[in-house]
Each structure stands twice: as C-alpha cells, then as structure tokens.
C-alpha cells in the first residue's frame, strides 16, 4: 500500500496556479483525483476526474458532487469534519483530503 500525501496546501495550490496561468490547476488536480479514487472508489463505486482545460464537469475534483462524496467518506470513516457553505470550499476540500489521506495511511481501506 502506497502512502498518500497528507501535506496538501490549498493556498500554495492557488498561488502556483496563478503564477503558471492555470497550468498547475489542471496538472495539480490529477494527483488529487487519483488519491480521492484510491480512498473512495472501493466503497462508493464512483470515479472523480481530474480537471480539464474545459472546466465544469459534474464529476471533477472541485465540483459539488465531489464535496458530497468526500463528506460521505468522512462520515463512513468516523472523522468529525463538516463543510461550511462558504466561498472558501477549496481550502475545506484540501483539509478534508489531508484528513482522509492520514486516516487511509494509518488504517488502510
């Protein structure tokens, strides 16, 4: 079992995305989607897609469906973390994924 990354930072992600004119946004979402699928697909059978140049997919990393998927996994694992309705949901997604990755690294599936 490979260890998943637990030190993701939304601030660095957005800062680097701005400096690279959005290229890192597209390339950086591939490992995020891969980790989400590693943790969650076995239980919910869904698949999250990395961002594309044409954004707006309902199954992409930063879409509301992904937030619901992450919330369900947090609840299934017994991790007490709730999303709030705010415009900073990207930061909340990164925090939740760090918590999920940490739990996955510790307990496995």
C-alpha atoms as a PDB file:
ATOM      1  CA  UNK A   1       0.000   0.000   0.000  1.00  0.00           C
ATOM      2  CA  UNK A   2       1.429   3.356  -1.008  1.00  0.00           C
ATOM      3  CA  UNK A   3       1.318   6.242   1.407  1.00  0.00           C
ATOM      4  CA  UNK A   4      -0.881   9.111   0.300  1.00  0.00           C
ATOM      5  CA  UNK A   5       0.199  12.704   0.595  1.00  0.00           C
ATOM      6  CA  UNK A   6      -1.045  14.494   3.723  1.00  0.00           C
ATOM      7  CA  UNK A   7       0.562  17.918   3.344  1.00  0.00           C
ATOM      8  CA  UNK A   8      -1.568  19.484   0.627  1.00  0.00           C
ATOM      9  CA  UNK A   9      -1.976  23.226   0.867  1.00  0.00           C
ATOM     10  CA  UNK A  10      -4.788  24.991  -0.950  1.00  0.00           C
ATOM     11  CA  UNK A  11      -3.032  28.338  -0.630  1.00  0.00           C
ATOM     12  CA  UNK A  12       0.131  27.079  -2.385  1.00  0.00           C
ATOM     13  CA  UNK A  13      -2.008  25.344  -4.997  1.00  0.00           C
ATOM     14  CA  UNK A  14      -3.904  28.520  -5.875  1.00  0.00           C
ATOM     15  CA  UNK A  15      -0.797  30.714  -5.699  1.00  0.00           C
ATOM     16  CA  UNK A  16       1.150  28.429  -8.015  1.00  0.00           C
ATOM     17  CA  UNK A  17      -1.860  28.124 -10.318  1.00  0.00           C
ATOM     18  CA  UNK A  18      -1.973  31.888 -10.681  1.00  0.00           C
ATOM     19  CA  UNK A  19       1.758  32.094 -11.385  1.00  0.00           C
ATOM     20  CA  UNK A  20       1.550  29.410 -14.071  1.00  0.00           C
ATOM     21  CA  UNK A  21      -1.600  30.907 -15.641  1.00  0.00           C
ATOM     22  CA  UNK A  22      -3.755  27.951 -14.632  1.00  0.00           C
ATOM     23  CA  UNK A  23      -1.491  25.175 -15.893  1.00  0.00           C
ATOM     24  CA  UNK A  24      -0.792  23.884 -12.393  1.00  0.00           C
ATOM     25  CA  UNK A  25      -4.538  23.927 -11.692  1.00  0.00           C
ATOM     26  CA  UNK A  26      -5.017  21.380 -14.460  1.00  0.00           C
ATOM     27  CA  UNK A  27      -1.887  19.320 -13.750  1.00  0.00           C
ATOM     28  CA  UNK A  28      -2.222  19.523  -9.974  1.00  0.00           C
ATOM     29  CA  UNK A  29      -5.711  18.079  -9.966  1.00  0.00           C
ATOM     30  CA  UNK A  30      -4.504  14.713 -11.328  1.00  0.00           C
ATOM     31  CA  UNK A  31      -2.872  13.540  -8.061  1.00  0.00           C
ATOM     32  CA  UNK A  32      -5.823  14.878  -6.064  1.00  0.00           C
ATOM     33  CA  UNK A  33      -8.311  12.910  -8.183  1.00  0.00           C
ATOM     34  CA  UNK A  34      -6.090   9.822  -8.029  1.00  0.00           C
ATOM     35  CA  UNK A  35      -5.964   9.940  -4.229  1.00  0.00           C
ATOM     36  CA  UNK A  36      -9.716  10.523  -3.981  1.00  0.00           C
ATOM     37  CA  UNK A  37     -10.347   7.493  -6.176  1.00  0.00           C
ATOM     38  CA  UNK A  38      -7.848   5.389  -4.212  1.00  0.00           C
ATOM     39  CA  UNK A  39      -9.602   6.152  -0.941  1.00  0.00           C
ATOM     40  CA  UNK A  40     -13.254   6.158  -2.001  1.00  0.00           C
ATOM     41  CA  UNK A  41     -13.959   4.143  -5.155  1.00  0.00           C
ATOM     42  CA  UNK A  42     -13.890   0.785  -3.407  1.00  0.00           C
ATOM     43  CA  UNK A  43     -16.892   1.779  -1.289  1.00  0.00           C
ATOM     44  CA  UNK A  44     -18.980   4.071  -3.463  1.00  0.00           C
ATOM     45  CA  UNK A  45     -18.113   2.841  -6.964  1.00  0.00           C
ATOM     46  CA  UNK A  46     -17.772   6.399  -8.293  1.00  0.00           C
ATOM     47  CA  UNK A  47     -14.845   7.965 -10.102  1.00  0.00           C
ATOM     48  CA  UNK A  48     -13.606  11.550  -9.795  1.00  0.00           C
ATOM     49  CA  UNK A  49     -11.999  13.048 -12.876  1.00  0.00           C
ATOM     50  CA  UNK A  50      -9.105  15.494 -12.835  1.00  0.00           C
ATOM     51  CA  UNK A  51      -9.772  18.983 -14.138  1.00  0.00           C
ATOM     52  CA  UNK A  52      -9.590  19.577 -17.855  1.00  0.00           C
ATOM     53  CA  UNK A  53      -8.943  22.744 -19.798  1.00  0.00           C
ATOM     54  CA  UNK A  54     -12.707  22.997 -20.248  1.00  0.00           C
ATOM     55  CA  UNK A  55     -13.945  23.117 -16.667  1.00  0.00           C
ATOM     56  CA  UNK A  56     -17.424  22.399 -15.462  1.00  0.00           C
ATOM     57  CA  UNK A  57     -17.669  18.621 -15.307  1.00  0.00           C
ATOM     58  CA  UNK A  58     -20.032  17.490 -12.552  1.00  0.00           C
ATOM     59  CA  UNK A  59     -17.564  14.741 -11.586  1.00  0.00           C
ATOM     60  CA  UNK A  60     -14.439  16.901 -11.396  1.00  0.00           C
ATOM     61  CA  UNK A  61     -12.261  17.471  -8.334  1.00  0.00           C
ATOM     62  CA  UNK A  62     -13.711  20.831  -7.315  1.00  0.00           C
ATOM     63  CA  UNK A  63     -17.361  20.160  -8.202  1.00  0.00           C
ATOM     64  CA  UNK A  64     -20.167  19.964  -5.627  1.00  0.00           C
ATOM     65  CA  UNK A  65     -20.593  16.229  -6.305  1.00  0.00           C
ATOM     66  CA  UNK A  66     -17.022  15.674  -5.125  1.00  0.00           C
ATOM     67  CA  UNK A  67     -17.753  17.551  -1.913  1.00  0.00           C
ATOM     68  CA  UNK A  68     -20.712  15.257  -1.241  1.00  0.00           C
ATOM     69  CA  UNK A  69     -18.528  12.254  -1.981  1.00  0.00           C
ATOM     70  CA  UNK A  70     -15.851  13.491   0.433  1.00  0.00           C
ATOM     71  CA  UNK A  71     -18.463  14.199   3.129  1.00  0.00           C
ATOM     72  CA  UNK A  72     -19.831  10.662   2.795  1.00  0.00           C
ATOM     73  CA  UNK A  73     -16.338   9.184   3.143  1.00  0.00           C
ATOM     74  CA  UNK A  74     -15.558  11.349   6.177  1.00  0.00           C
ATOM     75  CA  UNK A  75     -18.747  10.110   7.795  1.00  0.00           C
ATOM     76  CA  UNK A  76     -18.025   6.482   6.863  1.00  0.00           C
ATOM     77  CA  UNK A  77     -14.581   6.698   8.458  1.00  0.00           C
ATOM     78  CA  UNK A  78     -15.894   8.475  11.544  1.00  0.00           C
ATOM     79  CA  UNK A  79     -13.873  11.660  11.022  1.00  0.00           C
ATOM     80  CA  UNK A  80     -15.562  14.699  12.559  1.00  0.00           C
ATOM     81  CA  UNK A  81     -15.182  17.389   9.906  1.00  0.00           C
ATOM     82  CA  UNK A  82     -18.029  19.369   8.388  1.00  0.00           C
ATOM     83  CA  UNK A  83     -18.052  21.587   5.335  1.00  0.00           C
ATOM     84  CA  UNK A  84     -19.483  25.045   5.743  1.00  0.00           C
ATOM     85  CA  UNK A  85     -21.229  26.944   2.989  1.00  0.00           C
ATOM     86  CA  UNK A  86     -18.586  29.435   2.060  1.00  0.00           C
ATOM     87  CA  UNK A  87     -16.683  30.595  -0.957  1.00  0.00           C
ATOM     88  CA  UNK A  88     -13.518  29.028   0.506  1.00  0.00           C
ATOM     89  CA  UNK A  89     -14.611  25.457  -0.170  1.00  0.00           C
ATOM     90  CA  UNK A  90     -11.340  24.657  -1.957  1.00  0.00           C
ATOM     91  CA  UNK A  91      -9.495  25.094   1.341  1.00  0.00           C
ATOM     92  CA  UNK A  92     -12.029  22.832   3.021  1.00  0.00           C
ATOM     93  CA  UNK A  93     -11.588  20.167   0.326  1.00  0.00           C
ATOM     94  CA  UNK A  94      -7.816  20.179   0.815  1.00  0.00           C
ATOM     95  CA  UNK A  95      -8.201  19.926   4.603  1.00  0.00           C
ATOM     96  CA  UNK A  96     -10.695  17.067   4.284  1.00  0.00           C
ATOM     97  CA  UNK A  97      -8.454  15.221   1.810  1.00  0.00           C
ATOM     98  CA  UNK A  98      -5.496  15.591   4.156  1.00  0.00           C
ATOM     99  CA  UNK A  99      -7.595  14.095   6.968  1.00  0.00           C
ATOM    100  CA  UNK A 100      -8.786  11.241   4.750  1.00  0.00           C
ATOM    101  CA  UNK A 101      -5.268  10.529   3.472  1.00  0.00           C
ATOM    102  CA  UNK A 102      -3.925  10.477   7.011  1.00  0.00           C
ATOM    103  CA  UNK A 103      -6.622   8.013   8.067  1.00  0.00           C
ATOM    104  CA  UNK A 104      -6.023   5.886   4.949  1.00  0.00           C
ATOM    105  CA  UNK A 105      -2.267   5.802   5.655  1.00  0.00           C
ATOM    106  CA  UNK A 106      -2.932   4.760   9.251  1.00  0.00           C
ATOM    107  CA  UNK A 107      -5.781   2.239   8.852  1.00  0.00           C
ATOM    108  CA  UNK A 108      -5.750   1.335   5.174  1.00  0.00           C
ATOM    109  CA  UNK A 109      -9.004   0.866   3.315  1.00  0.00           C
END
